[in-house]
Amino acid sequence: MSQPYGANWPPGAVISMYDETLRIRENHGDRGVVEYLDGEPVSSCFYWMYQGDKAELVSLPQRQH
């Protein structure tokens, strides 16, 4: 069984959808909690795919050493 679209995006990843750039705070499979890049909360139930439109992965978080 395959994972929902975006389910493997880790917290801290940056996505783009509908001309907005957002950071993932929590990933719950097909949806998650996102914030603006300045840390301002956006949505606690943001879907990675909505009515056929898909969020695009912009960048993955940098690894902490």
N, C-alpha and C. Protein backbone atom coordinates (compact mmCIF):
# COMPACT_ATOMS: atom_id res chain seq x y z
N MET A 1 0.84 -1.18 0.00
CA MET A 1 0.00 0.00 0.00
C MET A 1 0.89 1.25 0.00
N SER A 2 0.61 2.19 -0.86
CA SER A 2 1.46 3.37 -0.97
C SER A 2 1.03 4.44 0.04
N GLN A 3 1.97 5.30 0.36
CA GLN A 3 1.70 6.40 1.28
C GLN A 3 0.95 7.51 0.56
N PRO A 4 0.19 8.32 1.30
CA PRO A 4 -0.45 9.48 0.68
C PRO A 4 0.60 10.47 0.17
N TYR A 5 0.23 11.27 -0.81
CA TYR A 5 1.12 12.28 -1.36
C TYR A 5 1.63 13.19 -0.23
N GLY A 6 2.94 13.37 -0.16
CA GLY A 6 3.55 14.25 0.83
C GLY A 6 3.78 13.62 2.19
N ALA A 7 3.38 12.39 2.38
CA ALA A 7 3.50 11.75 3.69
C ALA A 7 4.94 11.62 4.16
N ASN A 8 5.89 11.60 3.24
CA ASN A 8 7.29 11.42 3.62
C ASN A 8 8.04 12.75 3.78
N TRP A 9 7.34 13.88 3.68
CA TRP A 9 7.99 15.18 3.87
C TRP A 9 8.20 15.41 5.36
N PRO A 10 9.43 15.65 5.78
CA PRO A 10 9.69 15.80 7.21
C PRO A 10 9.36 17.20 7.73
N PRO A 11 9.12 17.32 9.03
CA PRO A 11 8.97 18.66 9.62
C PRO A 11 10.21 19.50 9.28
N GLY A 12 9.98 20.75 8.99
CA GLY A 12 11.06 21.65 8.59
C GLY A 12 11.19 21.80 7.09
N ALA A 13 10.57 20.88 6.34
CA ALA A 13 10.59 20.98 4.88
C ALA A 13 9.80 22.21 4.44
N VAL A 14 10.22 22.82 3.35
CA VAL A 14 9.53 23.98 2.80
C VAL A 14 8.75 23.54 1.57
N ILE A 15 7.48 23.96 1.51
CA ILE A 15 6.61 23.62 0.39
C ILE A 15 6.04 24.90 -0.21
N SER A 16 5.52 24.77 -1.42
CA SER A 16 4.88 25.89 -2.10
C SER A 16 3.55 25.42 -2.65
N MET A 17 2.51 26.24 -2.44
CA MET A 17 1.19 25.93 -2.98
C MET A 17 0.40 27.23 -3.08
N TYR A 18 -0.26 27.42 -4.19
CA TYR A 18 -1.08 28.63 -4.42
C TYR A 18 -0.30 29.91 -4.14
N ASP A 19 0.92 29.98 -4.66
CA ASP A 19 1.79 31.16 -4.55
C ASP A 19 2.16 31.49 -3.10
N GLU A 20 2.08 30.52 -2.21
CA GLU A 20 2.54 30.72 -0.84
C GLU A 20 3.66 29.73 -0.54
N THR A 21 4.65 30.19 0.19
CA THR A 21 5.75 29.34 0.61
C THR A 21 5.60 29.11 2.10
N LEU A 22 5.57 27.84 2.48
CA LEU A 22 5.25 27.46 3.86
C LEU A 22 6.24 26.44 4.38
N ARG A 23 6.38 26.36 5.70
CA ARG A 23 7.22 25.36 6.34
C ARG A 23 6.32 24.38 7.08
N ILE A 24 6.65 23.10 6.96
CA ILE A 24 5.90 22.05 7.65
C ILE A 24 6.36 21.97 9.10
N ARG A 25 5.42 22.07 10.02
CA ARG A 25 5.71 21.89 11.45
C ARG A 25 5.43 20.45 11.87
N GLU A 26 4.33 19.88 11.36
CA GLU A 26 3.96 18.49 11.66
C GLU A 26 3.38 17.87 10.41
N ASN A 27 3.71 16.61 10.18
CA ASN A 27 3.16 15.89 9.03
C ASN A 27 2.32 14.73 9.55
N HIS A 28 1.05 14.70 9.14
CA HIS A 28 0.12 13.65 9.57
C HIS A 28 -0.36 12.83 8.37
N GLY A 29 0.56 12.55 7.45
CA GLY A 29 0.20 11.73 6.28
C GLY A 29 -0.23 12.58 5.11
N ASP A 30 -1.53 12.71 4.90
CA ASP A 30 -2.03 13.48 3.76
C ASP A 30 -2.21 14.96 4.08
N ARG A 31 -1.91 15.36 5.32
CA ARG A 31 -2.09 16.75 5.75
C ARG A 31 -1.13 17.04 6.90
N GLY A 32 -1.10 18.30 7.33
CA GLY A 32 -0.23 18.63 8.45
C GLY A 32 -0.42 20.04 8.94
N VAL A 33 0.46 20.45 9.83
CA VAL A 33 0.47 21.78 10.41
C VAL A 33 1.56 22.57 9.68
N VAL A 34 1.21 23.76 9.18
CA VAL A 34 2.18 24.57 8.45
C VAL A 34 2.25 25.98 9.01
N GLU A 35 3.38 26.64 8.73
CA GLU A 35 3.59 28.01 9.15
C GLU A 35 4.29 28.77 8.03
N TYR A 36 4.21 30.11 8.09
CA TYR A 36 5.00 30.92 7.16
C TYR A 36 6.46 30.79 7.56
N LEU A 37 7.36 31.20 6.70
CA LEU A 37 8.79 31.06 6.96
C LEU A 37 9.25 31.88 8.16
N ASP A 38 8.49 32.92 8.54
CA ASP A 38 8.84 33.72 9.72
C ASP A 38 8.30 33.12 11.01
N GLY A 39 7.64 31.94 10.92
CA GLY A 39 7.14 31.25 12.11
C GLY A 39 5.69 31.53 12.43
N GLU A 40 5.04 32.42 11.68
CA GLU A 40 3.63 32.74 11.91
C GLU A 40 2.76 31.54 11.51
N PRO A 41 1.90 31.04 12.41
CA PRO A 41 1.04 29.90 12.08
C PRO A 41 0.11 30.19 10.91
N VAL A 42 -0.13 29.17 10.08
CA VAL A 42 -1.03 29.31 8.93
C VAL A 42 -2.23 28.40 9.09
N SER A 43 -1.98 27.10 9.27
CA SER A 43 -3.07 26.14 9.33
C SER A 43 -2.66 24.91 10.13
N SER A 44 -3.59 24.41 10.93
CA SER A 44 -3.34 23.17 11.67
C SER A 44 -3.90 21.97 10.92
N CYS A 45 -4.48 22.21 9.74
CA CYS A 45 -5.03 21.11 8.92
C CYS A 45 -4.87 21.47 7.45
N PHE A 46 -3.63 21.48 6.99
CA PHE A 46 -3.30 21.86 5.62
C PHE A 46 -3.10 20.59 4.80
N TYR A 47 -3.86 20.43 3.74
CA TYR A 47 -3.77 19.23 2.90
C TYR A 47 -2.71 19.42 1.82
N TRP A 48 -1.84 18.41 1.63
CA TRP A 48 -0.78 18.48 0.62
C TRP A 48 -1.36 18.42 -0.79
N MET A 49 -2.55 17.88 -0.93
CA MET A 49 -3.24 17.84 -2.22
C MET A 49 -4.68 18.28 -1.98
N TYR A 50 -5.14 19.26 -2.77
CA TYR A 50 -6.49 19.79 -2.60
C TYR A 50 -7.14 19.95 -3.96
N GLN A 51 -8.22 19.26 -4.18
CA GLN A 51 -8.98 19.29 -5.44
C GLN A 51 -8.06 19.09 -6.65
N GLY A 52 -7.13 18.16 -6.52
CA GLY A 52 -6.23 17.83 -7.62
C GLY A 52 -4.98 18.69 -7.69
N ASP A 53 -4.94 19.81 -6.97
CA ASP A 53 -3.73 20.64 -6.91
C ASP A 53 -2.80 20.08 -5.85
N LYS A 54 -1.51 20.02 -6.18
CA LYS A 54 -0.53 19.45 -5.26
C LYS A 54 0.47 20.50 -4.80
N ALA A 55 0.77 20.47 -3.50
CA ALA A 55 1.86 21.28 -2.99
C ALA A 55 3.16 20.74 -3.58
N GLU A 56 4.12 21.63 -3.79
CA GLU A 56 5.42 21.22 -4.31
C GLU A 56 6.46 21.33 -3.21
N LEU A 57 7.32 20.32 -3.11
CA LEU A 57 8.41 20.34 -2.16
C LEU A 57 9.49 21.28 -2.69
N VAL A 58 9.83 22.31 -1.91
CA VAL A 58 10.84 23.28 -2.30
C VAL A 58 12.21 22.87 -1.76
N SER A 59 12.26 22.54 -0.48
CA SER A 59 13.54 22.14 0.11
C SER A 59 13.30 21.31 1.36
N LEU A 60 14.26 20.47 1.66
CA LEU A 60 14.25 19.65 2.87
C LEU A 60 15.01 20.39 3.96
N PRO A 61 14.72 20.10 5.23
CA PRO A 61 15.45 20.78 6.30
C PRO A 61 16.91 20.37 6.30
N GLN A 62 17.75 21.28 6.75
CA GLN A 62 19.17 20.95 6.88
C GLN A 62 19.35 20.05 8.08
N ARG A 63 20.26 19.12 7.95
CA ARG A 63 20.55 18.20 9.06
C ARG A 63 21.30 18.94 10.15
N GLN A 64 20.95 18.62 11.38
CA GLN A 64 21.68 19.16 12.53
C GLN A 64 22.85 18.23 12.83
N HIS A 65 24.02 18.80 13.05
CA HIS A 65 25.21 17.98 13.32
C HIS A 65 25.43 17.84 14.79
